[in-house]
Amino acid sequence: MKTFERILIKMVIIQCLFLIMTQLFLHKWNAFPELKQLSQYEGVTDNNFAELLETFRGK
């Protein structure tokens, strides 16, 4: 059981490293400009916190 836990922890660490590398590749280095443009079009990158609060207040 100990060897399985050790392998599982190593896999989780490797998965986290790949996730961080992929996020850097896609967002910081602008690998796919279409993806960045699409996320701006959808409004994911905007700061809509005030509109969110207005929605919860019932406006």
Protein backbone atom coordinates (compact mmCIF):
# COMPACT_ATOMS: atom_id res chain seq x y z
CA MET A 1 0.00 0.00 0.00
CA LYS A 2 2.89 2.33 0.73
CA THR A 3 4.29 2.00 -2.78
CA PHE A 4 0.88 2.76 -4.29
CA GLU A 5 0.59 5.93 -2.19
CA ARG A 6 4.07 7.01 -3.23
CA ILE A 7 3.24 6.50 -6.91
CA LEU A 8 -0.06 8.33 -6.50
CA ILE A 9 1.62 11.34 -4.86
CA LYS A 10 4.20 11.48 -7.66
CA MET A 11 1.43 11.40 -10.25
CA VAL A 12 -0.41 14.25 -8.53
CA ILE A 13 2.75 16.37 -8.42
CA ILE A 14 3.47 15.70 -12.10
CA GLN A 15 -0.14 16.54 -13.00
CA CYS A 16 0.10 19.87 -11.13
CA LEU A 17 3.35 20.73 -12.91
CA PHE A 18 1.80 20.00 -16.31
CA LEU A 19 -1.24 22.12 -15.39
CA ILE A 20 0.95 25.10 -14.46
CA MET A 21 3.08 24.73 -17.60
CA THR A 22 -0.02 24.53 -19.80
CA GLN A 23 -1.58 27.60 -18.19
CA LEU A 24 1.64 29.55 -18.75
CA PHE A 25 1.87 28.37 -22.33
CA LEU A 26 -1.72 29.22 -23.22
CA HIS A 27 -2.24 32.48 -21.35
CA LYS A 28 1.05 34.20 -20.63
CA TRP A 29 2.91 33.48 -23.86
CA ASN A 30 -0.17 34.01 -26.03
CA ALA A 31 0.17 30.69 -27.83
CA PHE A 32 -3.36 30.77 -29.24
CA PRO A 33 -4.56 34.36 -29.79
CA GLU A 34 -7.99 33.06 -30.82
CA LEU A 35 -8.46 31.53 -27.38
CA LYS A 36 -7.64 34.82 -25.69
CA GLN A 37 -9.99 36.69 -28.01
CA LEU A 38 -12.76 34.17 -27.35
CA SER A 39 -12.39 34.46 -23.57
CA GLN A 40 -12.57 38.27 -23.85
CA TYR A 41 -15.67 37.96 -26.04
CA GLU A 42 -17.36 35.74 -23.48
CA GLY A 43 -16.52 38.16 -20.70
CA VAL A 44 -14.54 35.69 -18.64
CA THR A 45 -11.56 38.00 -18.17
CA ASP A 46 -13.55 41.12 -17.30
CA ASN A 47 -13.97 42.29 -13.74
CA ASN A 48 -17.77 42.13 -13.37
CA PHE A 49 -17.89 42.16 -9.59
CA ALA A 50 -20.14 45.24 -9.38
CA GLU A 51 -22.65 43.75 -11.82
CA LEU A 52 -22.60 40.52 -9.85
CA LEU A 53 -23.48 42.37 -6.65
CA GLU A 54 -26.26 44.25 -8.42
CA THR A 55 -27.66 40.93 -9.59
CA PHE A 56 -27.74 39.55 -6.06
CA ARG A 57 -29.38 42.71 -4.70
CA GLY A 58 -32.28 42.12 -7.04
CA LYS A 59 -31.78 44.96 -9.48
